[in-house]
Amino acid sequence: MEDSKIDILAEYEGSKELVDLLKEECNEALIGVLGLNLLEAQEKERQRIAADLHDSTVQNLTSLFHKAELCFKLIDIDSVRAKLELSSMSNTIKLIIDEMRDVIFNLKPMSLSDLGLILTMEQYVDQLKRDFDIQVKFIHNKEIENIVPVVSTTLFRIIKEACSNVIKHARASLLEINIEYSLDSILVSISDNGVGFNIEEYKTNNKIQMSNFGLSIMQERAALLSGTLKIESTKGKGTKVMVTVPATICKGDTNE
């Protein structure tokens, strides 16, 4: 009888070790897949930045070069036109400076380290209001204290991706961003009153579009924070993206 108990116990321990090993292997495989997808996303982001720089900044710099050459020719024969060209060059330089600031901010929102997520979001919302014809509401219950930098950066990038989708595709007049912090979690929601879509139909027939819209990347970023991302949408009634991240992850405690 005693031997049977020992055998059962040994079998149980062996099964438990096998389950633990399988869990570990699955987690490693999942991390590998997520990491690969994020690398692909980073490469696409680099390509997008390069295209933006070529389409705007490089063309503006080329225009500046030609205007400078023209000014050299005009300065002695038509000073009035030369001054007009110089004024135009000054405006172009200001435009390039603004473009480069946007590029740098998108690459690394430095204000996150200095100001925190909430104040950085307020700056971003002001930028959206300034650059696009859309009403933007930002609601939060309080500042998030002691949040790990990688968490605030990842949340900020998810929010930006969701907002970018609204601007590009939703044809919305209202965009609402909500950050709610509790003892258990951080809940982030981005909602709009745009055209919306049928989620099940979208998942079945538009896997390529799901990637193009950045939805899969947002899900992967949330998963890397041990969080979840949920999307609700109805045709003609808008879309809502909800991200939930455990508070323990946000404060750097991954042991619980």
C-alpha atoms as a PDB file:
ATOM      1  CA  MET A   1       0.000   0.000   0.000  1.00  0.00           C
ATOM      2  CA  GLU A   2       2.787   2.376   0.949  1.00  0.00           C
ATOM      3  CA  ASP A   3       4.612   1.552  -2.291  1.00  0.00           C
ATOM      4  CA  SER A   4       1.484   2.412  -4.299  1.00  0.00           C
ATOM      5  CA  LYS A   5       1.268   5.815  -2.634  1.00  0.00           C
ATOM      6  CA  ILE A   6       4.917   6.461  -3.439  1.00  0.00           C
ATOM      7  CA  ASP A   7       4.369   5.428  -7.067  1.00  0.00           C
ATOM      8  CA  ILE A   8       1.311   7.696  -7.373  1.00  0.00           C
ATOM      9  CA  LEU A   9       3.186  10.577  -5.789  1.00  0.00           C
ATOM     10  CA  ALA A  10       6.162  10.055  -8.107  1.00  0.00           C
ATOM     11  CA  GLU A  11       3.843   9.910 -11.111  1.00  0.00           C
ATOM     12  CA  TYR A  12       2.138  13.129  -9.970  1.00  0.00           C
ATOM     13  CA  GLU A  13       5.455  14.900  -9.476  1.00  0.00           C
ATOM     14  CA  GLY A  14       6.621  13.725 -12.903  1.00  0.00           C
ATOM     15  CA  SER A  15       3.420  14.980 -14.539  1.00  0.00           C
ATOM     16  CA  LYS A  16       3.726  18.299 -12.735  1.00  0.00           C
ATOM     17  CA  GLU A  17       7.308  18.703 -13.947  1.00  0.00           C
ATOM     18  CA  LEU A  18       6.201  17.889 -17.497  1.00  0.00           C
ATOM     19  CA  VAL A  19       3.380  20.446 -17.337  1.00  0.00           C
ATOM     20  CA  ASP A  20       5.762  23.080 -15.972  1.00  0.00           C
ATOM     21  CA  LEU A  21       8.249  22.291 -18.745  1.00  0.00           C
ATOM     22  CA  LEU A  22       5.546  22.547 -21.423  1.00  0.00           C
ATOM     23  CA  LYS A  23       4.370  25.855 -19.970  1.00  0.00           C
ATOM     24  CA  GLU A  24       7.907  27.201 -20.052  1.00  0.00           C
ATOM     25  CA  GLU A  25       8.411  26.079 -23.658  1.00  0.00           C
ATOM     26  CA  CYS A  26       5.068  27.599 -24.708  1.00  0.00           C
ATOM     27  CA  ASN A  27       5.930  30.890 -23.021  1.00  0.00           C
ATOM     28  CA  GLU A  28       9.321  30.962 -24.736  1.00  0.00           C
ATOM     29  CA  ALA A  29       7.695  30.226 -28.102  1.00  0.00           C
ATOM     30  CA  LEU A  30       5.098  32.958 -27.539  1.00  0.00           C
ATOM     31  CA  ILE A  31       7.768  35.476 -26.586  1.00  0.00           C
ATOM     32  CA  GLY A  32       9.710  34.503 -29.709  1.00  0.00           C
ATOM     33  CA  VAL A  33       6.691  35.033 -31.972  1.00  0.00           C
ATOM     34  CA  LEU A  34       5.813  38.348 -30.341  1.00  0.00           C
ATOM     35  CA  GLY A  35       9.411  39.476 -30.542  1.00  0.00           C
ATOM     36  CA  LEU A  36       9.600  38.617 -34.257  1.00  0.00           C
ATOM     37  CA  ASN A  37       6.370  40.462 -34.989  1.00  0.00           C
ATOM     38  CA  LEU A  38       7.596  43.511 -33.096  1.00  0.00           C
ATOM     39  CA  LEU A  39      10.853  43.437 -35.046  1.00  0.00           C
ATOM     40  CA  GLU A  40       8.801  43.423 -38.250  1.00  0.00           C
ATOM     41  CA  ALA A  41       6.737  46.311 -36.897  1.00  0.00           C
ATOM     42  CA  GLN A  42       9.895  48.245 -36.032  1.00  0.00           C
ATOM     43  CA  GLU A  43      11.219  47.716 -39.562  1.00  0.00           C
ATOM     44  CA  LYS A  44       7.928  48.980 -41.027  1.00  0.00           C
ATOM     45  CA  GLU A  45       8.133  51.975 -38.699  1.00  0.00           C
ATOM     46  CA  ARG A  46      11.669  52.726 -39.914  1.00  0.00           C
ATOM     47  CA  GLN A  47      10.472  52.519 -43.516  1.00  0.00           C
ATOM     48  CA  ARG A  48       7.551  54.834 -42.748  1.00  0.00           C
ATOM     49  CA  ILE A  49       9.851  57.379 -41.086  1.00  0.00           C
ATOM     50  CA  ALA A  50      12.251  57.209 -44.044  1.00  0.00           C
ATOM     51  CA  ALA A  51       9.355  57.762 -46.455  1.00  0.00           C
ATOM     52  CA  ASP A  52       8.045  60.694 -44.394  1.00  0.00           C
ATOM     53  CA  LEU A  53      11.498  62.291 -44.308  1.00  0.00           C
ATOM     54  CA  HIS A  54      11.904  61.835 -48.056  1.00  0.00           C
ATOM     55  CA  ASP A  55       8.435  63.114 -48.928  1.00  0.00           C
ATOM     56  CA  SER A  56       8.578  66.198 -46.723  1.00  0.00           C
ATOM     57  CA  THR A  57      11.905  67.143 -45.151  1.00  0.00           C
ATOM     58  CA  VAL A  58      14.184  66.153 -48.048  1.00  0.00           C
ATOM     59  CA  GLN A  59      11.939  67.895 -50.580  1.00  0.00           C
ATOM     60  CA  ASN A  60      11.824  71.036 -48.449  1.00  0.00           C
ATOM     61  CA  LEU A  61      15.623  71.020 -48.096  1.00  0.00           C
ATOM     62  CA  THR A  62      15.950  70.608 -51.872  1.00  0.00           C
ATOM     63  CA  SER A  63      13.626  73.574 -52.330  1.00  0.00           C
ATOM     64  CA  LEU A  64      15.774  75.598 -49.911  1.00  0.00           C
ATOM     65  CA  PHE A  65      18.893  74.765 -51.908  1.00  0.00           C
ATOM     66  CA  HIS A  66      17.365  75.990 -55.172  1.00  0.00           C
ATOM     67  CA  LYS A  67      16.002  79.143 -53.533  1.00  0.00           C
ATOM     68  CA  ALA A  68      19.432  79.901 -52.049  1.00  0.00           C
ATOM     69  CA  GLU A  69      20.988  79.585 -55.512  1.00  0.00           C
ATOM     70  CA  LEU A  70      18.301  81.903 -56.896  1.00  0.00           C
ATOM     71  CA  CYS A  71      18.955  84.478 -54.166  1.00  0.00           C
ATOM     72  CA  PHE A  72      22.647  84.584 -55.079  1.00  0.00           C
ATOM     73  CA  LYS A  73      21.637  85.496 -58.634  1.00  0.00           C
ATOM     74  CA  LEU A  74      18.970  88.026 -57.600  1.00  0.00           C
ATOM     75  CA  ILE A  75      20.735  89.844 -54.778  1.00  0.00           C
ATOM     76  CA  ASP A  76      22.481  92.340 -57.099  1.00  0.00           C
ATOM     77  CA  ILE A  77      19.808  92.664 -59.785  1.00  0.00           C
ATOM     78  CA  ASP A  78      16.465  92.388 -57.953  1.00  0.00           C
ATOM     79  CA  SER A  79      16.842  92.893 -54.212  1.00  0.00           C
ATOM     80  CA  VAL A  80      13.064  93.057 -53.660  1.00  0.00           C
ATOM     81  CA  ARG A  81      12.495  89.582 -55.085  1.00  0.00           C
ATOM     82  CA  ALA A  82      15.594  88.318 -53.272  1.00  0.00           C
ATOM     83  CA  LYS A  83      14.061  89.459 -49.970  1.00  0.00           C
ATOM     84  CA  LEU A  84      10.795  87.693 -50.838  1.00  0.00           C
ATOM     85  CA  GLU A  85      12.692  84.487 -51.556  1.00  0.00           C
ATOM     86  CA  LEU A  86      14.596  84.822 -48.270  1.00  0.00           C
ATOM     87  CA  SER A  87      11.296  85.266 -46.420  1.00  0.00           C
ATOM     88  CA  SER A  88       9.963  82.126 -48.102  1.00  0.00           C
ATOM     89  CA  MET A  89      13.153  80.279 -47.118  1.00  0.00           C
ATOM     90  CA  SER A  90      12.675  81.359 -43.505  1.00  0.00           C
ATOM     91  CA  ASN A  91       9.160  79.883 -43.472  1.00  0.00           C
ATOM     92  CA  THR A  92      10.427  76.646 -45.014  1.00  0.00           C
ATOM     93  CA  ILE A  93      13.151  76.366 -42.366  1.00  0.00           C
ATOM     94  CA  LYS A  94      10.535  76.758 -39.617  1.00  0.00           C
ATOM     95  CA  LEU A  95       8.468  74.013 -41.280  1.00  0.00           C
ATOM     96  CA  ILE A  96      11.470  71.675 -41.405  1.00  0.00           C
ATOM     97  CA  ILE A  97      12.216  72.324 -37.723  1.00  0.00           C
ATOM     98  CA  ASP A  98       8.614  71.438 -36.805  1.00  0.00           C
ATOM     99  CA  GLU A  99       8.761  68.288 -38.947  1.00  0.00           C
ATOM    100  CA  MET A 100      12.010  67.146 -37.337  1.00  0.00           C
ATOM    101  CA  ARG A 101      10.613  67.770 -33.860  1.00  0.00           C
ATOM    102  CA  ASP A 102       7.637  65.564 -34.722  1.00  0.00           C
ATOM    103  CA  VAL A 103       9.928  62.819 -36.038  1.00  0.00           C
ATOM    104  CA  ILE A 104      12.103  62.922 -32.911  1.00  0.00           C
ATOM    105  CA  PHE A 105       9.038  62.945 -30.641  1.00  0.00           C
ATOM    106  CA  ASN A 106       7.583  59.930 -32.461  1.00  0.00           C
ATOM    107  CA  LEU A 107      10.864  58.034 -32.162  1.00  0.00           C
ATOM    108  CA  LYS A 108      11.304  58.762 -28.471  1.00  0.00           C
ATOM    109  CA  PRO A 109       8.765  60.884 -26.606  1.00  0.00           C
ATOM    110  CA  MET A 110      11.347  62.439 -24.259  1.00  0.00           C
ATOM    111  CA  SER A 111       8.675  64.223 -22.256  1.00  0.00           C
ATOM    112  CA  LEU A 112       7.541  60.847 -20.874  1.00  0.00           C
ATOM    113  CA  SER A 113      10.647  60.661 -18.696  1.00  0.00           C
ATOM    114  CA  ASP A 114      10.319  64.255 -17.503  1.00  0.00           C
ATOM    115  CA  LEU A 115       6.560  64.820 -17.377  1.00  0.00           C
ATOM    116  CA  GLY A 116       5.028  61.362 -17.014  1.00  0.00           C
ATOM    117  CA  LEU A 117       2.305  59.722 -19.079  1.00  0.00           C
ATOM    118  CA  ILE A 118      -0.578  62.081 -18.245  1.00  0.00           C
ATOM    119  CA  LEU A 119       1.170  65.382 -19.022  1.00  0.00           C
ATOM    120  CA  THR A 120       2.718  63.870 -22.155  1.00  0.00           C
ATOM    121  CA  MET A 121      -0.750  62.783 -23.246  1.00  0.00           C
ATOM    122  CA  GLU A 122      -2.049  66.316 -22.691  1.00  0.00           C
ATOM    123  CA  GLN A 123       0.675  67.615 -25.012  1.00  0.00           C
ATOM    124  CA  TYR A 124      -0.193  64.963 -27.591  1.00  0.00           C
ATOM    125  CA  VAL A 125      -3.899  65.826 -27.417  1.00  0.00           C
ATOM    126  CA  ASP A 126      -3.066  69.502 -27.969  1.00  0.00           C
ATOM    127  CA  GLN A 127      -1.077  68.466 -31.045  1.00  0.00           C
ATOM    128  CA  LEU A 128      -4.017  66.435 -32.397  1.00  0.00           C
ATOM    129  CA  LYS A 129      -6.381  69.367 -31.913  1.00  0.00           C
ATOM    130  CA  ARG A 130      -3.934  71.671 -33.670  1.00  0.00           C
ATOM    131  CA  ASP A 131      -3.195  69.413 -36.627  1.00  0.00           C
ATOM    132  CA  PHE A 132      -6.562  67.784 -37.387  1.00  0.00           C
ATOM    133  CA  ASP A 133     -10.188  68.815 -37.713  1.00  0.00           C
ATOM    134  CA  ILE A 134     -11.501  66.634 -34.889  1.00  0.00           C
ATOM    135  CA  GLN A 135     -12.726  67.200 -31.338  1.00  0.00           C
ATOM    136  CA  VAL A 136     -10.494  65.392 -28.839  1.00  0.00           C
ATOM    137  CA  LYS A 137     -11.380  64.694 -25.204  1.00  0.00           C
ATOM    138  CA  PHE A 138      -8.814  63.395 -22.719  1.00  0.00           C
ATOM    139  CA  ILE A 139     -10.107  62.021 -19.411  1.00  0.00           C
ATOM    140  CA  HIS A 140      -8.044  60.564 -16.567  1.00  0.00           C
ATOM    141  CA  ASN A 141      -8.643  59.970 -12.881  1.00  0.00           C
ATOM    142  CA  LYS A 142      -5.127  60.772 -11.592  1.00  0.00           C
ATOM    143  CA  GLU A 143      -1.441  60.814 -12.416  1.00  0.00           C
ATOM    144  CA  ILE A 144       0.186  57.405 -12.501  1.00  0.00           C
ATOM    145  CA  GLU A 145       3.056  57.305 -10.024  1.00  0.00           C
ATOM    146  CA  ASN A 146       6.233  55.222 -10.275  1.00  0.00           C
ATOM    147  CA  ILE A 147       5.253  53.695 -13.600  1.00  0.00           C
ATOM    148  CA  VAL A 148       8.055  51.756 -15.285  1.00  0.00           C
ATOM    149  CA  PRO A 149       9.371  53.763 -18.300  1.00  0.00           C
ATOM    150  CA  VAL A 150       8.968  50.882 -20.760  1.00  0.00           C
ATOM    151  CA  VAL A 151       5.325  50.512 -19.683  1.00  0.00           C
ATOM    152  CA  SER A 152       4.489  54.208 -20.128  1.00  0.00           C
ATOM    153  CA  THR A 153       6.257  54.230 -23.513  1.00  0.00           C
ATOM    154  CA  THR A 154       4.415  51.105 -24.680  1.00  0.00           C
ATOM    155  CA  LEU A 155       1.033  52.439 -23.529  1.00  0.00           C
ATOM    156  CA  PHE A 156       1.738  55.750 -25.240  1.00  0.00           C
ATOM    157  CA  ARG A 157       2.589  53.985 -28.516  1.00  0.00           C
ATOM    158  CA  ILE A 158      -0.610  51.912 -28.330  1.00  0.00           C
ATOM    159  CA  ILE A 159      -2.642  55.085 -27.777  1.00  0.00           C
ATOM    160  CA  LYS A 160      -0.905  56.848 -30.670  1.00  0.00           C
ATOM    161  CA  GLU A 161      -1.518  53.900 -33.010  1.00  0.00           C
ATOM    162  CA  ALA A 162      -5.203  53.798 -32.069  1.00  0.00           C
ATOM    163  CA  CYS A 163      -5.556  57.574 -32.505  1.00  0.00           C
ATOM    164  CA  SER A 164      -3.783  57.384 -35.860  1.00  0.00           C
ATOM    165  CA  ASN A 165      -6.314  54.782 -37.013  1.00  0.00           C
ATOM    166  CA  VAL A 166      -9.159  57.088 -35.991  1.00  0.00           C
ATOM    167  CA  ILE A 167      -7.660  60.037 -37.890  1.00  0.00           C
ATOM    168  CA  LYS A 168      -6.925  57.998 -41.032  1.00  0.00           C
ATOM    169  CA  HIS A 169      -9.889  55.648 -41.291  1.00  0.00           C
ATOM    170  CA  ALA A 170     -12.787  56.415 -38.932  1.00  0.00           C
ATOM    171  CA  ARG A 171     -14.064  59.681 -40.464  1.00  0.00           C
ATOM    172  CA  ALA A 172     -14.946  60.672 -36.911  1.00  0.00           C
ATOM    173  CA  SER A 173     -15.750  64.100 -35.482  1.00  0.00           C
ATOM    174  CA  LEU A 174     -15.040  63.046 -31.875  1.00  0.00           C
ATOM    175  CA  LEU A 175     -12.120  61.145 -30.363  1.00  0.00           C
ATOM    176  CA  GLU A 176     -12.093  60.315 -26.651  1.00  0.00           C
ATOM    177  CA  ILE A 177      -9.090  58.992 -24.725  1.00  0.00           C
ATOM    178  CA  ASN A 178      -9.569  57.689 -21.197  1.00  0.00           C
ATOM    179  CA  ILE A 179      -6.876  56.533 -18.751  1.00  0.00           C
ATOM    180  CA  GLU A 180      -8.178  55.049 -15.513  1.00  0.00           C
ATOM    181  CA  TYR A 181      -5.736  53.943 -12.833  1.00  0.00           C
ATOM    182  CA  SER A 182      -6.702  51.645  -9.953  1.00  0.00           C
ATOM    183  CA  LEU A 183      -4.846  49.521  -7.412  1.00  0.00           C
ATOM    184  CA  ASP A 184      -5.241  46.477  -9.669  1.00  0.00           C
ATOM    185  CA  SER A 185      -4.727  47.790 -13.183  1.00  0.00           C
ATOM    186  CA  ILE A 186      -4.478  50.592 -15.695  1.00  0.00           C
ATOM    187  CA  LEU A 187      -7.369  50.733 -18.152  1.00  0.00           C
ATOM    188  CA  VAL A 188      -6.850  52.732 -21.340  1.00  0.00           C
ATOM    189  CA  SER A 189      -9.667  53.275 -23.822  1.00  0.00           C
ATOM    190  CA  ILE A 190      -9.712  55.099 -27.153  1.00  0.00           C
ATOM    191  CA  SER A 191     -13.162  55.591 -28.666  1.00  0.00           C
ATOM    192  CA  ASP A 192     -14.619  57.483 -31.626  1.00  0.00           C
ATOM    193  CA  ASN A 193     -17.967  58.223 -33.262  1.00  0.00           C
ATOM    194  CA  GLY A 194     -16.801  57.245 -36.745  1.00  0.00           C
ATOM    195  CA  VAL A 195     -17.957  54.753 -39.353  1.00  0.00           C
ATOM    196  CA  GLY A 196     -17.115  51.634 -37.327  1.00  0.00           C
ATOM    197  CA  PHE A 197     -16.953  48.100 -38.748  1.00  0.00           C
ATOM    198  CA  ASN A 198     -18.140  44.526 -38.228  1.00  0.00           C
ATOM    199  CA  ILE A 199     -15.400  42.936 -36.110  1.00  0.00           C
ATOM    200  CA  GLU A 200     -16.065  39.263 -36.952  1.00  0.00           C
ATOM    201  CA  GLU A 201     -16.315  39.986 -40.668  1.00  0.00           C
ATOM    202  CA  TYR A 202     -13.189  42.095 -40.412  1.00  0.00           C
ATOM    203  CA  LYS A 203     -11.184  39.348 -38.662  1.00  0.00           C
ATOM    204  CA  THR A 204     -12.291  36.715 -41.177  1.00  0.00           C
ATOM    205  CA  ASN A 205     -11.842  38.609 -44.428  1.00  0.00           C
ATOM    206  CA  ASN A 206      -9.317  41.335 -43.703  1.00  0.00           C
ATOM    207  CA  LYS A 207      -6.269  39.838 -41.990  1.00  0.00           C
ATOM    208  CA  ILE A 208      -3.979  41.950 -44.165  1.00  0.00           C
ATOM    209  CA  GLN A 209      -5.910  45.107 -43.260  1.00  0.00           C
ATOM    210  CA  MET A 210      -5.720  44.137 -39.587  1.00  0.00           C
ATOM    211  CA  SER A 211      -1.947  44.270 -39.930  1.00  0.00           C
ATOM    212  CA  ASN A 212      -2.036  47.495 -41.944  1.00  0.00           C
ATOM    213  CA  PHE A 213      -4.210  49.207 -39.340  1.00  0.00           C
ATOM    214  CA  GLY A 214      -1.747  48.239 -36.620  1.00  0.00           C
ATOM    215  CA  LEU A 215      -4.327  46.272 -34.621  1.00  0.00           C
ATOM    216  CA  SER A 216      -2.151  43.166 -34.377  1.00  0.00           C
ATOM    217  CA  ILE A 217       0.830  45.251 -33.261  1.00  0.00           C
ATOM    218  CA  MET A 218      -1.267  46.922 -30.549  1.00  0.00           C
ATOM    219  CA  GLN A 219      -2.368  43.484 -29.328  1.00  0.00           C
ATOM    220  CA  GLU A 220       1.219  42.251 -29.241  1.00  0.00           C
ATOM    221  CA  ARG A 221       2.415  45.317 -27.353  1.00  0.00           C
ATOM    222  CA  ALA A 222      -0.341  44.834 -24.788  1.00  0.00           C
ATOM    223  CA  ALA A 223       0.572  41.140 -24.454  1.00  0.00           C
ATOM    224  CA  LEU A 224       4.207  42.018 -23.760  1.00  0.00           C
ATOM    225  CA  LEU A 225       2.944  43.962 -20.735  1.00  0.00           C
ATOM    226  CA  SER A 226       0.915  40.904 -19.614  1.00  0.00           C
ATOM    227  CA  GLY A 227      -2.124  42.932 -20.614  1.00  0.00           C
ATOM    228  CA  THR A 228      -5.112  42.498 -22.898  1.00  0.00           C
ATOM    229  CA  LEU A 229      -6.518  44.493 -25.792  1.00  0.00           C
ATOM    230  CA  LYS A 230     -10.192  44.374 -26.722  1.00  0.00           C
ATOM    231  CA  ILE A 231     -11.925  46.053 -29.651  1.00  0.00           C
ATOM    232  CA  GLU A 232     -15.630  46.903 -29.835  1.00  0.00           C
ATOM    233  CA  SER A 233     -17.111  48.339 -33.012  1.00  0.00           C
ATOM    234  CA  THR A 234     -20.452  48.725 -34.752  1.00  0.00           C
ATOM    235  CA  LYS A 235     -20.982  49.957 -38.283  1.00  0.00           C
ATOM    236  CA  GLY A 236     -22.105  53.570 -38.203  1.00  0.00           C
ATOM    237  CA  LYS A 237     -21.593  53.873 -34.438  1.00  0.00           C
ATOM    238  CA  GLY A 238     -17.844  54.060 -33.999  1.00  0.00           C
ATOM    239  CA  THR A 239     -15.089  51.978 -32.458  1.00  0.00           C
ATOM    240  CA  LYS A 240     -13.634  51.513 -28.983  1.00  0.00           C
ATOM    241  CA  VAL A 241     -10.187  50.086 -28.210  1.00  0.00           C
ATOM    242  CA  MET A 242      -9.596  49.008 -24.595  1.00  0.00           C
ATOM    243  CA  VAL A 243      -6.245  48.059 -23.085  1.00  0.00           C
ATOM    244  CA  THR A 244      -5.903  46.627 -19.580  1.00  0.00           C
ATOM    245  CA  VAL A 245      -2.489  46.232 -17.938  1.00  0.00           C
ATOM    246  CA  PRO A 246      -1.887  44.820 -14.425  1.00  0.00           C
ATOM    247  CA  ALA A 247      -0.706  47.410 -11.901  1.00  0.00           C
ATOM    248  CA  THR A 248       2.054  45.037 -10.768  1.00  0.00           C
ATOM    249  CA  ILE A 249       3.598  45.193 -14.250  1.00  0.00           C
ATOM    250  CA  CYS A 250       3.273  48.979 -14.338  1.00  0.00           C
ATOM    251  CA  LYS A 251       5.299  49.312 -11.148  1.00  0.00           C
ATOM    252  CA  GLY A 252       7.899  46.777 -12.188  1.00  0.00           C
ATOM    253  CA  ASP A 253       6.783  43.902  -9.949  1.00  0.00           C
ATOM    254  CA  THR A 254       6.422  40.869 -12.182  1.00  0.00           C
ATOM    255  CA  ASN A 255       6.662  38.288  -9.407  1.00  0.00           C
ATOM    256  CA  GLU A 256       3.070  38.459  -8.306  1.00  0.00           C
END
